[in-house]
Protein backbone atom coordinates (compact mmCIF):
# COMPACT_ATOMS: atom_id res chain seq x y z
CA MET A 1 0.00 0.00 0.00
CA ILE A 2 1.29 3.46 -0.93
CA LEU A 3 -1.26 5.27 1.19
CA VAL A 4 -0.23 5.67 4.86
CA LEU A 5 -1.21 7.82 7.81
CA SER A 6 1.03 10.75 8.56
CA ALA A 7 3.31 10.22 11.51
CA GLY A 8 3.95 12.84 14.15
CA ILE A 9 1.28 15.28 12.92
CA GLY A 10 -1.38 14.27 15.42
CA ASN A 11 -4.36 15.26 13.29
CA GLY A 12 -4.92 11.97 11.47
CA GLN A 13 -4.35 13.45 8.02
CA ILE A 14 -3.57 11.00 5.26
CA LYS A 15 -0.08 11.26 3.81
CA LEU A 16 0.24 10.51 0.11
CA ASP A 17 3.18 9.21 -1.87
CA HIS A 18 2.41 9.67 -5.55
CA PRO A 19 4.54 7.68 -8.04
CA PHE A 20 5.24 9.69 -11.21
CA ASP A 21 7.26 7.18 -13.22
CA CYS A 22 4.14 6.14 -15.12
CA TYR A 23 3.75 9.68 -16.50
CA GLU A 24 7.36 10.57 -17.25
CA THR A 25 8.07 11.48 -20.89
CA SER A 26 10.62 13.43 -22.90
CA LEU A 27 8.51 16.53 -22.30
CA ASN A 28 10.38 17.02 -19.03
CA SER A 29 13.45 18.24 -20.92
CA PHE A 30 11.40 21.13 -22.32
CA LYS A 31 10.02 21.94 -18.90
CA SER A 32 13.32 22.17 -17.04
CA VAL A 33 14.60 25.45 -18.55
CA GLU A 34 11.36 27.23 -17.68
CA ASP A 35 11.42 25.82 -14.15
CA ILE A 36 15.01 26.97 -13.60
CA PHE A 37 13.97 30.50 -14.59
CA VAL A 38 11.00 30.43 -12.21
CA GLU A 39 13.04 29.04 -9.32
CA THR A 40 15.58 31.84 -9.81
CA PHE A 41 13.26 34.80 -10.33
CA THR A 42 9.96 33.69 -8.81
CA ILE A 43 7.53 36.21 -7.39
CA GLU A 44 5.14 34.00 -5.43
CA ALA A 45 1.46 34.48 -6.16
CA THR A 46 -0.87 35.10 -3.24
CA LEU A 47 -4.36 33.67 -2.95
CA GLU A 48 -5.62 37.16 -3.82
CA ASN A 49 -3.53 37.06 -7.02
CA GLU A 50 -5.11 33.74 -7.93
CA ILE A 51 -8.61 35.11 -7.36
CA GLN A 52 -7.86 38.20 -9.48
CA TRP A 53 -6.52 35.94 -12.22
CA GLY A 54 -9.72 33.94 -11.98
CA ASP A 55 -11.83 37.10 -12.25
CA SER A 56 -10.10 38.02 -15.51
CA THR A 57 -10.50 34.50 -16.87
CA HIS A 58 -14.18 34.46 -15.96
CA PHE A 59 -14.76 37.81 -17.66
CA SER A 60 -13.16 36.56 -20.87
CA LEU A 61 -14.99 33.24 -20.82
CA THR A 62 -18.41 34.76 -20.30
CA LYS A 63 -17.84 37.01 -23.29
CA GLU A 64 -17.01 34.00 -25.44
CA PHE A 65 -19.44 31.41 -24.05
CA SER A 66 -22.90 31.37 -22.57
CA LEU A 67 -23.33 29.85 -19.11
CA LEU A 68 -25.79 26.99 -18.77
CA ASN A 69 -28.55 27.72 -16.28
CA ASP A 70 -29.92 24.19 -15.88
CA GLN A 71 -30.77 24.29 -12.17
CA LYS A 72 -31.18 20.55 -11.81
CA LEU A 73 -27.78 19.91 -13.37
CA LEU A 74 -26.15 22.74 -11.41
CA THR A 75 -27.54 21.34 -8.16
CA SER A 76 -26.16 17.90 -9.02
CA VAL A 77 -22.63 19.02 -9.95
CA ASN A 78 -22.41 21.45 -7.03
CA LYS A 79 -23.32 18.63 -4.66
CA ILE A 80 -20.43 16.65 -6.11
CA LEU A 81 -18.12 19.67 -5.79
CA LYS A 82 -19.09 20.18 -2.13
CA ASN A 83 -18.55 16.51 -1.34
CA LEU A 84 -15.11 16.53 -2.95
CA SER A 85 -14.03 19.84 -1.37
CA GLU A 86 -14.81 18.51 2.09
CA GLN A 87 -12.17 15.80 1.64
CA ILE A 88 -9.22 18.18 1.23
CA PRO A 89 -8.53 18.71 4.97
CA LYS A 90 -8.33 14.94 5.40
CA PHE A 91 -5.10 14.83 3.38
CA GLU A 92 -1.70 16.17 4.33
CA ASN A 93 -0.51 18.77 1.83
CA PRO A 94 1.13 16.72 -0.98
CA THR A 95 3.38 19.68 -1.94
CA ASP A 96 4.73 22.83 -0.29
CA HIS A 97 1.97 24.99 -1.82
CA SER A 98 1.07 27.57 0.84
CA ASN A 99 -2.55 28.04 -0.29
CA TYR A 100 -3.42 24.37 0.13
CA GLY A 101 -6.81 23.96 1.78
CA ARG A 102 -7.72 27.66 1.49
CA TYR A 103 -9.80 27.60 -1.69
CA GLU A 104 -13.54 28.22 -1.76
CA TYR A 105 -14.71 26.66 -4.99
CA SER A 106 -17.53 27.57 -7.34
CA LEU A 107 -18.54 25.74 -10.50
CA PHE A 108 -19.77 26.95 -13.88
CA LEU A 109 -21.16 25.13 -16.91
CA LEU A 110 -20.19 26.41 -20.36
CA ASP A 111 -22.62 25.97 -23.23
CA THR A 112 -20.29 24.38 -25.75
CA ASN A 113 -20.06 20.83 -27.09
CA VAL A 114 -16.27 20.85 -26.81
CA ILE A 115 -15.18 18.15 -24.35
CA ASN A 116 -13.17 20.09 -21.79
CA ALA A 117 -12.78 21.12 -18.16
CA PHE A 118 -10.43 23.64 -16.57
CA THR A 119 -9.96 25.86 -13.55
CA SER A 120 -8.79 29.33 -12.64
CA GLY A 121 -8.91 31.26 -9.37
CA GLN A 122 -11.13 28.91 -7.35
CA ARG A 123 -13.56 28.59 -10.26
CA ILE A 124 -14.07 25.27 -12.00
CA TYR A 125 -15.52 25.11 -15.50
CA LEU A 126 -17.16 22.11 -17.13
CA THR A 127 -18.40 22.22 -20.69
CA LYS A 128 -21.71 20.75 -21.80
CA GLY A 129 -19.59 18.47 -23.97
CA ILE A 130 -17.79 16.84 -21.08
CA ILE A 131 -20.97 16.53 -19.01
CA ASP A 132 -22.61 14.71 -21.92
CA PHE A 133 -19.51 12.53 -22.39
CA CYS A 134 -19.52 11.38 -18.76
CA GLN A 135 -21.88 8.48 -18.12
CA ASN A 136 -22.44 8.90 -14.38
CA ASP A 137 -21.69 11.00 -11.29
CA ASP A 138 -18.55 8.97 -10.56
CA GLU A 139 -16.97 10.09 -13.83
CA ILE A 140 -18.05 13.70 -13.31
CA ALA A 141 -16.56 13.53 -9.81
CA MET A 142 -13.22 12.38 -11.23
CA ILE A 143 -13.17 15.33 -13.63
CA ILE A 144 -14.02 17.86 -10.91
CA ALA A 145 -11.53 16.30 -8.48
CA HIS A 146 -8.81 16.61 -11.13
CA GLU A 147 -9.52 20.35 -11.46
CA ILE A 148 -9.57 20.79 -7.68
CA ALA A 149 -6.15 19.14 -7.61
CA HIS A 150 -4.73 21.74 -10.01
CA ASN A 151 -5.51 24.38 -7.38
CA GLU A 152 -4.49 22.44 -4.29
CA LEU A 153 -1.19 21.28 -5.81
CA GLY A 154 -0.28 24.86 -6.73
CA HIS A 155 -0.34 24.58 -10.52
CA ILE A 156 -2.46 27.71 -11.02
CA ASN A 157 -0.25 29.55 -8.55
CA GLU A 158 2.87 28.46 -10.41
CA LYS A 159 1.47 29.68 -13.73
CA ILE A 160 0.78 33.11 -12.23
CA ALA A 161 4.23 33.15 -10.62
CA LYS A 162 5.80 32.56 -14.04
CA PHE A 163 3.88 35.50 -15.44
CA ASN A 164 4.85 37.72 -12.46
CA SER A 165 8.48 36.65 -12.70
CA ALA A 166 8.68 37.41 -16.41
CA ASN A 167 7.06 40.81 -15.90
CA ASP A 168 9.52 41.66 -13.13
CA PHE A 169 12.55 40.50 -15.09
CA PHE A 170 11.69 41.78 -18.59
CA GLY A 171 9.16 44.52 -17.85
CA GLU A 172 5.47 44.38 -18.61
CA THR A 173 5.74 44.11 -22.39
CA GLY A 174 8.57 41.62 -22.28
CA GLY A 175 6.85 39.60 -19.62
CA THR A 176 3.65 39.35 -21.62
CA LEU A 177 5.60 38.33 -24.71
CA THR A 178 7.57 35.76 -22.73
CA PHE A 179 4.38 34.33 -21.29
CA ILE A 180 2.81 34.04 -24.75
CA ILE A 181 5.92 32.36 -26.14
CA GLY A 182 5.99 30.00 -23.16
CA ASN A 183 2.45 28.94 -23.89
CA LEU A 184 3.26 28.39 -27.54
CA LEU A 185 6.17 26.16 -26.59
CA ARG A 186 4.30 24.27 -23.88
CA THR A 187 0.60 24.22 -23.08
CA PRO A 188 -0.43 25.53 -19.61
CA PHE A 189 0.22 22.37 -17.61
CA GLY A 190 2.84 19.73 -18.29
CA GLN A 191 2.25 15.99 -18.39
CA LEU A 192 3.63 15.44 -14.90
CA GLU A 193 1.32 18.12 -13.50
CA GLU A 194 -1.63 16.50 -15.24
CA GLY A 195 -0.54 13.09 -13.97
CA HIS A 196 -0.23 14.39 -10.41
CA CYS A 197 -3.77 15.77 -10.66
CA ASP A 198 -5.00 12.42 -11.92
CA LEU A 199 -3.51 10.72 -8.86
CA PHE A 200 -4.58 13.24 -6.24
CA GLY A 201 -7.96 13.59 -7.92
CA MET A 202 -8.47 9.84 -7.54
CA ASP A 203 -7.54 10.08 -3.85
CA ILE A 204 -10.06 12.88 -3.28
CA ALA A 205 -12.87 11.17 -5.21
CA LEU A 206 -12.32 7.78 -3.57
CA LYS A 207 -12.32 9.38 -0.12
CA ALA A 208 -15.61 11.06 -1.02
CA GLY A 209 -17.12 7.66 -1.82
CA TYR A 210 -17.02 7.69 -5.61
CA LYS A 211 -15.96 4.64 -7.60
CA GLY A 212 -12.26 4.78 -8.41
CA CYS A 213 -12.52 2.58 -11.47
CA ALA A 214 -14.76 5.20 -13.07
CA VAL A 215 -11.66 7.16 -14.05
CA VAL A 216 -10.23 4.10 -15.85
CA GLU A 217 -13.49 3.67 -17.75
CA LEU A 218 -13.48 7.39 -18.59
CA TRP A 219 -9.97 7.39 -20.03
CA ASP A 220 -10.53 4.09 -21.84
CA ARG A 221 -13.55 5.59 -23.57
CA MET A 222 -11.70 8.84 -24.28
CA ASN A 223 -8.88 6.79 -25.78
CA LYS A 224 -11.26 5.33 -28.36
CA ASN A 225 -11.93 8.88 -29.56
CA GLU A 226 -8.25 9.73 -30.09
CA ASP A 227 -5.96 9.12 -33.03
CA GLU A 228 -3.14 6.64 -32.64
CA LYS A 229 -0.35 7.71 -30.31
CA SER A 230 2.46 9.46 -32.13
CA PHE A 231 5.48 11.69 -31.59
CA ILE A 232 3.18 14.67 -31.13
CA ASP A 233 2.19 13.15 -27.78
CA LEU A 234 5.47 14.45 -26.41
CA PHE A 235 4.18 17.99 -26.88
CA LEU A 236 0.71 17.53 -25.44
CA SER A 237 0.04 18.84 -21.93
CA HIS A 238 -2.36 16.03 -21.11
CA PRO A 239 -0.90 12.54 -21.17
CA TYR A 240 -2.33 10.26 -23.85
CA SER A 241 -5.69 8.90 -22.61
CA GLY A 242 -4.53 5.30 -23.04
CA ASP A 243 -1.57 6.02 -20.76
CA ARG A 244 -3.82 7.76 -18.23
CA ALA A 245 -6.12 4.74 -18.07
CA ASN A 246 -3.18 2.39 -17.51
CA CYS A 247 -1.58 4.65 -14.89
CA ALA A 248 -4.91 5.05 -13.08
CA ARG A 249 -5.46 1.29 -13.14
CA TYR A 250 -1.97 0.71 -11.70
CA TYR A 251 -2.34 3.37 -8.98
CA ILE A 252 -5.77 2.24 -7.80
CA ASP A 253 -4.62 -1.39 -7.67
CA ASN A 254 -1.37 -0.70 -5.82
CA THR A 255 -2.72 1.98 -3.49
CA TYR A 256 -6.26 0.86 -2.73
CA GLY A 257 -6.23 -2.79 -3.72
CA LEU A 258 -9.02 -2.28 -6.25
CA LYS A 259 -8.93 -4.19 -9.51
CA CYS A 260 -10.23 -2.25 -12.50
CA GLU A 261 -10.96 -4.06 -15.72
C-alpha cells in the first residue's frame, strides 16, 4: 500500500506518496529550462492574485461562451463539488503549496459541445460536452476532483508566478511576450502536473465515496476517440488517454487494492 497515515502530525491526516514514473516522458526536458527561470526569479502568487486571475479569466470566458442555467444539473454538480471539497482537509498537503486547503470553490457550466474542463482562481468550468460525455456522477466527480487538484497542488499559482516573474525580469511588455511564447512552446500544464492531478484527484474522489474505477473507464472511452499515439504526444500537456487509463489502473490497484478491468 502506498497510502499511509502521517506520523507525528497528530491530526490523522492521510499522507500521500504519488509515483510519477508512469507519467514521465521526454517533455520534461522542455520543462526544465522554464522551471530553472521560475526558481531563480519567482515572485510568489498570493491567494488574492489567484482570485484576481480567476476574475479576468471568468470575464473573458463569459464574453465568449454562454453559461448553462440548468438548475437541476447545477444542483447535481455542485453537490459533487461540495462533497469533494470537504475531503481536502483529510489529506496532508502533498506539496509545499502555501494556499493548500484555502480555496472556496464555485462551479460553472459552459454551453459548448467541446469536451473540456479547466480551472482558474477557485472557479471550475465544465463544458456541456464533457458533461454529456460522462456516463455517471462517478466520472463527473473524477473530472471535478482533477480540477480541484490543479488548485491544491499549486499549478495555477505556479502559472501566475511565471507571469509575475517574467514581468519583473523583462518589464510588462517583455513579460507578456515571454508568457505568450511559453504557452506556444508548452501548453499551460505539463504531463507530470496532469498526472499528479489524476492521482490526487483519484484520492479525493475515492475518499468522497465515488468509484475509483470510473476514471479508468473514462480514459478508456476517451482513448477510443483519439488518433493513434504518435510523436506529437510528447508535446501535449495532457498525457495520452490510453496512458492515463493504464496509470490510473496501476495506482488504484497498488494503493487501494481495487482491480479495475
